[in-house]
PDB file of all heavy atoms in Angstrom:
ATOM      1  N   PRO A   1     -18.207 -10.851 -42.513  1.00  0.00           N
ATOM      2  CA  PRO A   1     -17.826 -10.548 -43.887  1.00  0.00           C
ATOM      3  C   PRO A   1     -17.086  -9.275 -43.984  1.00  0.00           C
ATOM      4  O   PRO A   1     -17.213  -8.394 -43.133  1.00  0.00           O
ATOM      5  CB  PRO A   1     -19.155 -10.552 -44.625  1.00  0.00           C
ATOM      6  CG  PRO A   1     -20.112 -10.024 -43.577  1.00  0.00           C
ATOM      7  CD  PRO A   1     -19.615 -10.556 -42.220  1.00  0.00           C
ATOM      8  N   GLY A   2     -16.325  -9.082 -45.048  1.00  0.00           N
ATOM      9  CA  GLY A   2     -15.568  -7.867 -45.234  1.00  0.00           C
ATOM     10  C   GLY A   2     -15.101  -7.701 -46.656  1.00  0.00           C
ATOM     11  O   GLY A   2     -15.130  -8.620 -47.460  1.00  0.00           O
ATOM     12  N   VAL A   3     -14.676  -6.480 -46.968  1.00  0.00           N
ATOM     13  CA  VAL A   3     -14.125  -6.153 -48.274  1.00  0.00           C
ATOM     14  C   VAL A   3     -12.982  -5.160 -48.050  1.00  0.00           C
ATOM     15  O   VAL A   3     -13.020  -4.362 -47.095  1.00  0.00           O
ATOM     16  CB  VAL A   3     -15.203  -5.532 -49.205  1.00  0.00           C
ATOM     17  CG1 VAL A   3     -15.749  -4.235 -48.650  1.00  0.00           C
ATOM     18  CG2 VAL A   3     -14.649  -5.303 -50.568  1.00  0.00           C
ATOM     19  N   ALA A   4     -11.952  -5.270 -48.836  1.00  0.00           N
ATOM     20  CA  ALA A   4     -10.796  -4.371 -48.744  1.00  0.00           C
ATOM     21  C   ALA A   4     -10.215  -4.112 -50.077  1.00  0.00           C
ATOM     22  O   ALA A   4     -10.397  -4.923 -51.038  1.00  0.00           O
ATOM     23  CB  ALA A   4      -9.745  -4.962 -47.790  1.00  0.00           C
ATOM     24  N   TYR A   5      -9.443  -3.010 -50.194  1.00  0.00           N
ATOM     25  CA  TYR A   5      -8.756  -2.721 -51.410  1.00  0.00           C
ATOM     26  C   TYR A   5      -7.270  -2.734 -51.152  1.00  0.00           C
ATOM     27  O   TYR A   5      -6.792  -2.143 -50.173  1.00  0.00           O
ATOM     28  CB  TYR A   5      -9.130  -1.317 -51.984  1.00  0.00           C
ATOM     29  CG  TYR A   5      -8.570  -1.074 -53.333  1.00  0.00           C
ATOM     30  CD1 TYR A   5      -9.137  -1.708 -54.460  1.00  0.00           C
ATOM     31  CD2 TYR A   5      -7.509  -0.232 -53.557  1.00  0.00           C
ATOM     32  CE1 TYR A   5      -8.642  -1.430 -55.717  1.00  0.00           C
ATOM     33  CE2 TYR A   5      -6.957  -0.005 -54.826  1.00  0.00           C
ATOM     34  CZ  TYR A   5      -7.576  -0.607 -55.888  1.00  0.00           C
ATOM     35  OH  TYR A   5      -7.048  -0.404 -57.151  1.00  0.00           O
ATOM     36  N   GLU A   6      -6.546  -3.423 -51.992  1.00  0.00           N
ATOM     37  CA  GLU A   6      -5.062  -3.625 -51.832  1.00  0.00           C
ATOM     38  C   GLU A   6      -4.374  -2.734 -52.874  1.00  0.00           C
ATOM     39  O   GLU A   6      -4.654  -2.810 -54.072  1.00  0.00           O
ATOM     40  CB  GLU A   6      -4.757  -5.073 -52.030  1.00  0.00           C
ATOM     41  CG  GLU A   6      -3.293  -5.399 -52.036  1.00  0.00           C
ATOM     42  CD  GLU A   6      -3.034  -6.824 -52.506  1.00  0.00           C
ATOM     43  OE1 GLU A   6      -4.057  -7.583 -52.651  1.00  0.00           O
ATOM     44  OE2 GLU A   6      -1.914  -7.170 -52.748  1.00  0.00           O
ATOM     45  N   PHE A   7      -3.438  -1.861 -52.411  1.00  0.00           N
ATOM     46  CA  PHE A   7      -2.899  -0.840 -53.267  1.00  0.00           C
ATOM     47  C   PHE A   7      -1.354  -0.904 -53.134  1.00  0.00           C
ATOM     48  O   PHE A   7      -0.802  -0.964 -52.032  1.00  0.00           O
ATOM     49  CB  PHE A   7      -3.351   0.508 -52.829  1.00  0.00           C
ATOM     50  CG  PHE A   7      -2.815   1.673 -53.652  1.00  0.00           C
ATOM     51  CD1 PHE A   7      -3.320   1.922 -54.858  1.00  0.00           C
ATOM     52  CD2 PHE A   7      -1.809   2.475 -53.158  1.00  0.00           C
ATOM     53  CE1 PHE A   7      -2.815   3.010 -55.647  1.00  0.00           C
ATOM     54  CE2 PHE A   7      -1.294   3.535 -53.903  1.00  0.00           C
ATOM     55  CZ  PHE A   7      -1.795   3.807 -55.204  1.00  0.00           C
ATOM     56  N   HIS A   8      -0.652  -0.889 -54.279  1.00  0.00           N
ATOM     57  CA  HIS A   8       0.793  -0.997 -54.271  1.00  0.00           C
ATOM     58  C   HIS A   8       1.409   0.055 -55.228  1.00  0.00           C
ATOM     59  O   HIS A   8       0.978   0.167 -56.371  1.00  0.00           O
ATOM     60  CB  HIS A   8       1.258  -2.399 -54.778  1.00  0.00           C
ATOM     61  CG  HIS A   8       0.784  -3.508 -53.909  1.00  0.00           C
ATOM     62  ND1 HIS A   8       1.453  -3.954 -52.785  1.00  0.00           N
ATOM     63  CD2 HIS A   8      -0.327  -4.294 -54.010  1.00  0.00           C
ATOM     64  CE1 HIS A   8       0.810  -4.967 -52.269  1.00  0.00           C
ATOM     65  NE2 HIS A   8      -0.276  -5.178 -52.974  1.00  0.00           N
ATOM     66  N   THR A   9       2.414   0.717 -54.745  1.00  0.00           N
ATOM     67  CA  THR A   9       3.289   1.556 -55.564  1.00  0.00           C
ATOM     68  C   THR A   9       4.752   1.260 -55.142  1.00  0.00           C
ATOM     69  O   THR A   9       4.983   0.456 -54.264  1.00  0.00           O
ATOM     70  CB  THR A   9       3.012   3.089 -55.423  1.00  0.00           C
ATOM     71  OG1 THR A   9       3.450   3.525 -54.097  1.00  0.00           O
ATOM     72  CG2 THR A   9       1.509   3.390 -55.573  1.00  0.00           C
ATOM     73  N   ASP A  10       5.683   1.953 -55.773  1.00  0.00           N
ATOM     74  CA  ASP A  10       7.065   1.725 -55.388  1.00  0.00           C
ATOM     75  C   ASP A  10       7.350   2.190 -53.965  1.00  0.00           C
ATOM     76  O   ASP A  10       8.290   1.697 -53.346  1.00  0.00           O
ATOM     77  CB  ASP A  10       8.009   2.486 -56.369  1.00  0.00           C
ATOM     78  CG  ASP A  10       7.967   1.873 -57.711  1.00  0.00           C
ATOM     79  OD1 ASP A  10       7.633   0.655 -57.833  1.00  0.00           O
ATOM     80  OD2 ASP A  10       8.294   2.587 -58.678  1.00  0.00           O
ATOM     81  N   ARG A  11       6.541   3.101 -53.414  1.00  0.00           N
ATOM     82  CA  ARG A  11       6.798   3.625 -52.068  1.00  0.00           C
ATOM     83  C   ARG A  11       5.727   3.211 -51.044  1.00  0.00           C
ATOM     84  O   ARG A  11       5.938   3.352 -49.863  1.00  0.00           O
ATOM     85  CB  ARG A  11       6.898   5.158 -52.108  1.00  0.00           C
ATOM     86  CG  ARG A  11       7.891   5.713 -53.053  1.00  0.00           C
ATOM     87  CD  ARG A  11       9.310   5.410 -52.556  1.00  0.00           C
ATOM     88  NE  ARG A  11      10.320   5.944 -53.478  1.00  0.00           N
ATOM     89  CZ  ARG A  11      11.629   5.785 -53.277  1.00  0.00           C
ATOM     90  NH1 ARG A  11      12.045   5.192 -52.197  1.00  0.00           N
ATOM     91  NH2 ARG A  11      12.515   6.287 -54.152  1.00  0.00           N
ATOM     92  N   LEU A  12       4.577   2.783 -51.516  1.00  0.00           N
ATOM     93  CA  LEU A  12       3.451   2.563 -50.613  1.00  0.00           C
ATOM     94  C   LEU A  12       2.802   1.196 -50.881  1.00  0.00           C
ATOM     95  O   LEU A  12       2.572   0.789 -52.020  1.00  0.00           O
ATOM     96  CB  LEU A  12       2.384   3.642 -50.853  1.00  0.00           C
ATOM     97  CG  LEU A  12       1.062   3.509 -50.107  1.00  0.00           C
ATOM     98  CD1 LEU A  12       1.290   3.662 -48.583  1.00  0.00           C
ATOM     99  CD2 LEU A  12       0.011   4.520 -50.573  1.00  0.00           C
ATOM    100  N   THR A  13       2.571   0.482 -49.748  1.00  0.00           N
ATOM    101  CA  THR A  13       1.777  -0.733 -49.765  1.00  0.00           C
ATOM    102  C   THR A  13       0.671  -0.566 -48.756  1.00  0.00           C
ATOM    103  O   THR A  13       0.982  -0.287 -47.579  1.00  0.00           O
ATOM    104  CB  THR A  13       2.605  -1.958 -49.426  1.00  0.00           C
ATOM    105  OG1 THR A  13       3.659  -2.153 -50.400  1.00  0.00           O
ATOM    106  CG2 THR A  13       1.765  -3.188 -49.354  1.00  0.00           C
ATOM    107  N   ALA A  14      -0.542  -0.699 -49.188  1.00  0.00           N
ATOM    108  CA  ALA A  14      -1.720  -0.488 -48.273  1.00  0.00           C
ATOM    109  C   ALA A  14      -2.819  -1.495 -48.556  1.00  0.00           C
ATOM    110  O   ALA A  14      -3.037  -1.798 -49.698  1.00  0.00           O
ATOM    111  CB  ALA A  14      -2.204   0.917 -48.390  1.00  0.00           C
ATOM    112  N   VAL A  15      -3.437  -1.946 -47.496  1.00  0.00           N
ATOM    113  CA  VAL A  15      -4.689  -2.742 -47.576  1.00  0.00           C
ATOM    114  C   VAL A  15      -5.691  -2.055 -46.655  1.00  0.00           C
ATOM    115  O   VAL A  15      -5.507  -2.004 -45.445  1.00  0.00           O
ATOM    116  CB  VAL A  15      -4.430  -4.198 -47.166  1.00  0.00           C
ATOM    117  CG1 VAL A  15      -5.721  -5.024 -47.347  1.00  0.00           C
ATOM    118  CG2 VAL A  15      -3.305  -4.858 -47.907  1.00  0.00           C
ATOM    119  N   VAL A  16      -6.741  -1.504 -47.270  1.00  0.00           N
ATOM    120  CA  VAL A  16      -7.690  -0.699 -46.503  1.00  0.00           C
ATOM    121  C   VAL A  16      -9.095  -1.358 -46.660  1.00  0.00           C
ATOM    122  O   VAL A  16      -9.560  -1.548 -47.769  1.00  0.00           O
ATOM    123  CB  VAL A  16      -7.771   0.770 -47.026  1.00  0.00           C
ATOM    124  CG1 VAL A  16      -8.784   1.562 -46.228  1.00  0.00           C
ATOM    125  CG2 VAL A  16      -6.384   1.389 -46.926  1.00  0.00           C
ATOM    126  N   GLY A  17      -9.704  -1.700 -45.536  1.00  0.00           N
ATOM    127  CA  GLY A  17     -10.986  -2.335 -45.591  1.00  0.00           C
ATOM    128  C   GLY A  17     -11.646  -2.402 -44.221  1.00  0.00           C
ATOM    129  O   GLY A  17     -11.300  -1.652 -43.309  1.00  0.00           O
ATOM    130  N   PHE A  18     -12.588  -3.270 -44.102  1.00  0.00           N
ATOM    131  CA  PHE A  18     -13.344  -3.513 -42.861  1.00  0.00           C
ATOM    132  C   PHE A  18     -13.131  -4.929 -42.438  1.00  0.00           C
ATOM    133  O   PHE A  18     -13.282  -5.893 -43.233  1.00  0.00           O
ATOM    134  CB  PHE A  18     -14.812  -3.235 -43.030  1.00  0.00           C
ATOM    135  CG  PHE A  18     -15.624  -3.592 -41.792  1.00  0.00           C
ATOM    136  CD1 PHE A  18     -15.680  -2.773 -40.738  1.00  0.00           C
ATOM    137  CD2 PHE A  18     -16.262  -4.839 -41.747  1.00  0.00           C
ATOM    138  CE1 PHE A  18     -16.428  -3.100 -39.589  1.00  0.00           C
ATOM    139  CE2 PHE A  18     -17.026  -5.198 -40.637  1.00  0.00           C
ATOM    140  CZ  PHE A  18     -17.047  -4.332 -39.564  1.00  0.00           C
ATOM    141  N   PRO A  19     -12.705  -5.211 -41.169  1.00  0.00           N
ATOM    142  CA  PRO A  19     -12.439  -4.231 -40.097  1.00  0.00           C
ATOM    143  C   PRO A  19     -10.971  -4.060 -39.808  1.00  0.00           C
ATOM    144  O   PRO A  19     -10.533  -4.173 -38.685  1.00  0.00           O
ATOM    145  CB  PRO A  19     -13.126  -4.967 -38.930  1.00  0.00           C
ATOM    146  CG  PRO A  19     -12.841  -6.425 -39.171  1.00  0.00           C
ATOM    147  CD  PRO A  19     -12.786  -6.570 -40.678  1.00  0.00           C
ATOM    148  N   PHE A  20     -10.158  -3.729 -40.852  1.00  0.00           N
ATOM    149  CA  PHE A  20      -8.761  -3.558 -40.617  1.00  0.00           C
ATOM    150  C   PHE A  20      -8.140  -2.591 -41.638  1.00  0.00           C
ATOM    151  O   PHE A  20      -8.708  -2.317 -42.689  1.00  0.00           O
ATOM    152  CB  PHE A  20      -8.001  -4.852 -40.656  1.00  0.00           C
ATOM    153  CG  PHE A  20      -7.796  -5.333 -42.097  1.00  0.00           C
ATOM    154  CD1 PHE A  20      -6.635  -5.179 -42.761  1.00  0.00           C
ATOM    155  CD2 PHE A  20      -8.845  -5.955 -42.739  1.00  0.00           C
ATOM    156  CE1 PHE A  20      -6.460  -5.617 -44.034  1.00  0.00           C
ATOM    157  CE2 PHE A  20      -8.688  -6.415 -44.084  1.00  0.00           C
ATOM    158  CZ  PHE A  20      -7.477  -6.258 -44.701  1.00  0.00           C
ATOM    159  N   VAL A  21      -6.975  -2.010 -41.283  1.00  0.00           N
ATOM    160  CA  VAL A  21      -6.222  -1.156 -42.184  1.00  0.00           C
ATOM    161  C   VAL A  21      -4.736  -1.489 -41.966  1.00  0.00           C
ATOM    162  O   VAL A  21      -4.268  -1.708 -40.839  1.00  0.00           O
ATOM    163  CB  VAL A  21      -6.433   0.315 -41.830  1.00  0.00           C
ATOM    164  CG1 VAL A  21      -5.511   1.213 -42.746  1.00  0.00           C
ATOM    165  CG2 VAL A  21      -7.861   0.728 -42.096  1.00  0.00           C
ATOM    166  N   SER A  22      -4.006  -1.606 -43.055  1.00  0.00           N
ATOM    167  CA  SER A  22      -2.583  -1.865 -43.041  1.00  0.00           C
ATOM    168  C   SER A  22      -1.869  -0.974 -44.052  1.00  0.00           C
ATOM    169  O   SER A  22      -2.187  -1.063 -45.231  1.00  0.00           O
ATOM    170  CB  SER A  22      -2.259  -3.374 -43.336  1.00  0.00           C
ATOM    171  OG  SER A  22      -0.917  -3.602 -43.313  1.00  0.00           O
ATOM    172  N   VAL A  23      -0.949  -0.087 -43.553  1.00  0.00           N
ATOM    173  CA  VAL A  23      -0.285   0.858 -44.460  1.00  0.00           C
ATOM    174  C   VAL A  23       1.242   0.792 -44.160  1.00  0.00           C
ATOM    175  O   VAL A  23       1.681   0.810 -43.016  1.00  0.00           O
ATOM    176  CB  VAL A  23      -0.783   2.297 -44.210  1.00  0.00           C
ATOM    177  CG1 VAL A  23      -0.042   3.253 -45.071  1.00  0.00           C
ATOM    178  CG2 VAL A  23      -2.275   2.365 -44.457  1.00  0.00           C
ATOM    179  N   ASP A  24       2.009   0.713 -45.213  1.00  0.00           N
ATOM    180  CA  ASP A  24       3.477   0.771 -45.107  1.00  0.00           C
ATOM    181  C   ASP A  24       3.973   1.772 -46.161  1.00  0.00           C
ATOM    182  O   ASP A  24       3.879   1.505 -47.405  1.00  0.00           O
ATOM    183  CB  ASP A  24       4.048  -0.644 -45.423  1.00  0.00           C
ATOM    184  CG  ASP A  24       5.569  -0.706 -45.168  1.00  0.00           C
ATOM    185  OD1 ASP A  24       6.212   0.313 -45.156  1.00  0.00           O
ATOM    186  OD2 ASP A  24       6.089  -1.841 -44.949  1.00  0.00           O
ATOM    187  N   TYR A  25       4.516   2.902 -45.717  1.00  0.00           N
ATOM    188  CA  TYR A  25       4.916   3.992 -46.604  1.00  0.00           C
ATOM    189  C   TYR A  25       6.390   4.256 -46.430  1.00  0.00           C
ATOM    190  O   TYR A  25       6.896   4.436 -45.363  1.00  0.00           O
ATOM    191  CB  TYR A  25       4.083   5.243 -46.260  1.00  0.00           C
ATOM    192  CG  TYR A  25       4.462   6.464 -47.090  1.00  0.00           C
ATOM    193  CD1 TYR A  25       4.506   6.408 -48.495  1.00  0.00           C
ATOM    194  CD2 TYR A  25       4.719   7.678 -46.445  1.00  0.00           C
ATOM    195  CE1 TYR A  25       4.834   7.512 -49.219  1.00  0.00           C
ATOM    196  CE2 TYR A  25       5.051   8.795 -47.206  1.00  0.00           C
ATOM    197  CZ  TYR A  25       5.108   8.715 -48.610  1.00  0.00           C
ATOM    198  OH  TYR A  25       5.417   9.826 -49.364  1.00  0.00           O
ATOM    199  N   ARG A  26       7.109   4.273 -47.599  1.00  0.00           N
ATOM    200  CA  ARG A  26       8.520   4.575 -47.631  1.00  0.00           C
ATOM    201  C   ARG A  26       8.781   5.822 -48.508  1.00  0.00           C
ATOM    202  O   ARG A  26       9.020   5.736 -49.724  1.00  0.00           O
ATOM    203  CB  ARG A  26       9.328   3.374 -48.196  1.00  0.00           C
ATOM    204  CG  ARG A  26       9.294   2.123 -47.381  1.00  0.00           C
ATOM    205  CD  ARG A  26      10.149   2.193 -46.157  1.00  0.00           C
ATOM    206  NE  ARG A  26      11.570   2.324 -46.469  1.00  0.00           N
ATOM    207  CZ  ARG A  26      12.377   1.273 -46.556  1.00  0.00           C
ATOM    208  NH1 ARG A  26      11.946   0.027 -46.366  1.00  0.00           N
ATOM    209  NH2 ARG A  26      13.647   1.451 -46.789  1.00  0.00           N
ATOM    210  N   PRO A  27       8.667   7.039 -47.908  1.00  0.00           N
ATOM    211  CA  PRO A  27       8.889   8.281 -48.743  1.00  0.00           C
ATOM    212  C   PRO A  27      10.321   8.349 -49.298  1.00  0.00           C
ATOM    213  O   PRO A  27      10.536   8.957 -50.361  1.00  0.00           O
ATOM    214  CB  PRO A  27       8.579   9.396 -47.755  1.00  0.00           C
ATOM    215  CG  PRO A  27       8.793   8.806 -46.437  1.00  0.00           C
ATOM    216  CD  PRO A  27       8.413   7.385 -46.534  1.00  0.00           C
ATOM    217  N   THR A  28      11.272   7.838 -48.538  1.00  0.00           N
ATOM    218  CA  THR A  28      12.656   7.772 -49.003  1.00  0.00           C
ATOM    219  C   THR A  28      13.195   6.415 -48.608  1.00  0.00           C
ATOM    220  O   THR A  28      12.577   5.652 -47.930  1.00  0.00           O
ATOM    221  CB  THR A  28      13.551   8.897 -48.348  1.00  0.00           C
ATOM    222  OG1 THR A  28      13.651   8.628 -46.942  1.00  0.00           O
ATOM    223  CG2 THR A  28      12.923  10.241 -48.573  1.00  0.00           C
ATOM    224  N   ARG A  29      14.390   6.115 -49.104  1.00  0.00           N
ATOM    225  CA  ARG A  29      14.982   4.843 -48.729  1.00  0.00           C
ATOM    226  C   ARG A  29      15.294   4.748 -47.245  1.00  0.00           C
ATOM    227  O   ARG A  29      15.298   3.642 -46.634  1.00  0.00           O
ATOM    228  CB  ARG A  29      16.321   4.646 -49.539  1.00  0.00           C
ATOM    229  CG  ARG A  29      17.015   3.318 -49.307  1.00  0.00           C
ATOM    230  CD  ARG A  29      18.172   3.131 -50.206  1.00  0.00           C
ATOM    231  NE  ARG A  29      17.772   3.149 -51.613  1.00  0.00           N
ATOM    232  CZ  ARG A  29      17.283   2.097 -52.257  1.00  0.00           C
ATOM    233  NH1 ARG A  29      17.129   0.954 -51.633  1.00  0.00           N
ATOM    234  NH2 ARG A  29      16.885   2.208 -53.514  1.00  0.00           N
ATOM    235  N   GLU A  30      15.539   5.883 -46.582  1.00  0.00           N
ATOM    236  CA  GLU A  30      15.883   5.859 -45.192  1.00  0.00           C
ATOM    237  C   GLU A  30      14.703   5.821 -44.236  1.00  0.00           C
ATOM    238  O   GLU A  30      14.744   5.223 -43.151  1.00  0.00           O
ATOM    239  CB  GLU A  30      16.717   7.121 -44.860  1.00  0.00           C
ATOM    240  CG  GLU A  30      18.093   7.180 -45.421  1.00  0.00           C
ATOM    241  CD  GLU A  30      18.075   7.615 -46.895  1.00  0.00           C
ATOM    242  OE1 GLU A  30      17.027   8.168 -47.325  1.00  0.00           O
ATOM    243  OE2 GLU A  30      19.077   7.400 -47.589  1.00  0.00           O
ATOM    244  N   TRP A  31      13.548   6.423 -44.668  1.00  0.00           N
ATOM    245  CA  TRP A  31      12.424   6.510 -43.718  1.00  0.00           C
ATOM    246  C   TRP A  31      11.319   5.639 -44.102  1.00  0.00           C
ATOM    247  O   TRP A  31      11.001   5.406 -45.263  1.00  0.00           O
ATOM    248  CB  TRP A  31      11.920   7.983 -43.710  1.00  0.00           C
ATOM    249  CG  TRP A  31      12.805   8.929 -42.992  1.00  0.00           C
ATOM    250  CD1 TRP A  31      13.765   9.771 -43.518  1.00  0.00           C
ATOM    251  CD2 TRP A  31      12.920   9.117 -41.593  1.00  0.00           C
ATOM    252  NE1 TRP A  31      14.413  10.444 -42.529  1.00  0.00           N
ATOM    253  CE2 TRP A  31      13.922  10.095 -41.343  1.00  0.00           C
ATOM    254  CE3 TRP A  31      12.206   8.548 -40.495  1.00  0.00           C
ATOM    255  CZ2 TRP A  31      14.276  10.486 -40.064  1.00  0.00           C
ATOM    256  CZ3 TRP A  31      12.559   9.010 -39.184  1.00  0.00           C
ATOM    257  CH2 TRP A  31      13.566   9.946 -38.996  1.00  0.00           C
ATOM    258  N   GLN A  32      10.663   5.050 -43.057  1.00  0.00           N
ATOM    259  CA  GLN A  32       9.543   4.178 -43.239  1.00  0.00           C
ATOM    260  C   GLN A  32       8.497   4.441 -42.137  1.00  0.00           C
ATOM    261  O   GLN A  32       8.799   4.614 -40.997  1.00  0.00           O
ATOM    262  CB  GLN A  32       9.964   2.706 -43.103  1.00  0.00           C
ATOM    263  CG  GLN A  32       8.861   1.685 -43.239  1.00  0.00           C
ATOM    264  CD  GLN A  32       9.367   0.265 -43.094  1.00  0.00           C
ATOM    265  OE1 GLN A  32      10.447   0.033 -42.510  1.00  0.00           O
ATOM    266  NE2 GLN A  32       8.592  -0.705 -43.564  1.00  0.00           N
ATOM    267  N   PHE A  33       7.230   4.518 -42.593  1.00  0.00           N
ATOM    268  CA  PHE A  33       6.110   4.748 -41.651  1.00  0.00           C
ATOM    269  C   PHE A  33       5.099   3.656 -41.831  1.00  0.00           C
ATOM    270  O   PHE A  33       4.650   3.377 -42.979  1.00  0.00           O
ATOM    271  CB  PHE A  33       5.486   6.109 -41.920  1.00  0.00           C
ATOM    272  CG  PHE A  33       6.426   7.267 -41.756  1.00  0.00           C
ATOM    273  CD1 PHE A  33       7.101   7.808 -42.843  1.00  0.00           C
ATOM    274  CD2 PHE A  33       6.696   7.794 -40.491  1.00  0.00           C
ATOM    275  CE1 PHE A  33       8.028   8.813 -42.702  1.00  0.00           C
ATOM    276  CE2 PHE A  33       7.583   8.859 -40.351  1.00  0.00           C
ATOM    277  CZ  PHE A  33       8.261   9.386 -41.427  1.00  0.00           C
ATOM    278  N   GLU A  34       4.668   3.029 -40.727  1.00  0.00           N
ATOM    279  CA  GLU A  34       3.714   1.948 -40.742  1.00  0.00           C
ATOM    280  C   GLU A  34       2.544   2.223 -39.808  1.00  0.00           C
ATOM    281  O   GLU A  34       2.724   2.771 -38.739  1.00  0.00           O
ATOM    282  CB  GLU A  34       4.408   0.612 -40.302  1.00  0.00           C
ATOM    283  CG  GLU A  34       5.586   0.195 -41.171  1.00  0.00           C
ATOM    284  CD  GLU A  34       6.417  -0.872 -40.549  1.00  0.00           C
ATOM    285  OE1 GLU A  34       6.052  -2.086 -40.769  1.00  0.00           O
ATOM    286  OE2 GLU A  34       7.331  -0.558 -39.776  1.00  0.00           O
ATOM    287  N   PHE A  35       1.395   1.822 -40.278  1.00  0.00           N
ATOM    288  CA  PHE A  35       0.167   1.891 -39.400  1.00  0.00           C
ATOM    289  C   PHE A  35      -0.661   0.628 -39.666  1.00  0.00           C
ATOM    290  O   PHE A  35      -0.963   0.325 -40.819  1.00  0.00           O
ATOM    291  CB  PHE A  35      -0.622   3.142 -39.708  1.00  0.00           C
ATOM    292  CG  PHE A  35      -1.884   3.201 -38.890  1.00  0.00           C
ATOM    293  CD1 PHE A  35      -1.854   3.578 -37.548  1.00  0.00           C
ATOM    294  CD2 PHE A  35      -3.146   2.897 -39.454  1.00  0.00           C
ATOM    295  CE1 PHE A  35      -3.036   3.606 -36.774  1.00  0.00           C
ATOM    296  CE2 PHE A  35      -4.308   2.934 -38.721  1.00  0.00           C
ATOM    297  CZ  PHE A  35      -4.238   3.274 -37.375  1.00  0.00           C
ATOM    298  N   ASN A  36      -1.042  -0.057 -38.617  1.00  0.00           N
ATOM    299  CA  ASN A  36      -1.855  -1.232 -38.684  1.00  0.00           C
ATOM    300  C   ASN A  36      -2.986  -1.119 -37.652  1.00  0.00           C
ATOM    301  O   ASN A  36      -2.733  -0.749 -36.486  1.00  0.00           O
ATOM    302  CB  ASN A  36      -1.096  -2.567 -38.427  1.00  0.00           C
ATOM    303  CG  ASN A  36      -0.038  -2.779 -39.473  1.00  0.00           C
ATOM    304  OD1 ASN A  36      -0.348  -2.719 -40.681  1.00  0.00           O
ATOM    305  ND2 ASN A  36       1.172  -3.108 -39.090  1.00  0.00           N
ATOM    306  N   TYR A  37      -4.187  -1.418 -38.137  1.00  0.00           N
ATOM    307  CA  TYR A  37      -5.352  -1.426 -37.189  1.00  0.00           C
ATOM    308  C   TYR A  37      -6.203  -2.600 -37.478  1.00  0.00           C
ATOM    309  O   TYR A  37      -6.437  -2.925 -38.617  1.00  0.00           O
ATOM    310  CB  TYR A  37      -6.176  -0.161 -37.314  1.00  0.00           C
ATOM    311  CG  TYR A  37      -7.497  -0.285 -36.561  1.00  0.00           C
ATOM    312  CD1 TYR A  37      -7.533  -0.117 -35.176  1.00  0.00           C
ATOM    313  CD2 TYR A  37      -8.683  -0.599 -37.249  1.00  0.00           C
ATOM    314  CE1 TYR A  37      -8.730  -0.260 -34.489  1.00  0.00           C
ATOM    315  CE2 TYR A  37      -9.851  -0.731 -36.514  1.00  0.00           C
ATOM    316  CZ  TYR A  37      -9.878  -0.566 -35.172  1.00  0.00           C
ATOM    317  OH  TYR A  37     -11.053  -0.778 -34.466  1.00  0.00           O
TER     318      TYR A  37
END
């Protein structure tokens, strides 16, 4: 079983929970940072 919170803004999409994390961050149009676990 698990629970996660899904969060969206114009620059950030994230799903944080157990047992996984997914983050996609665009501080500017040119740069993008992603982390998945």
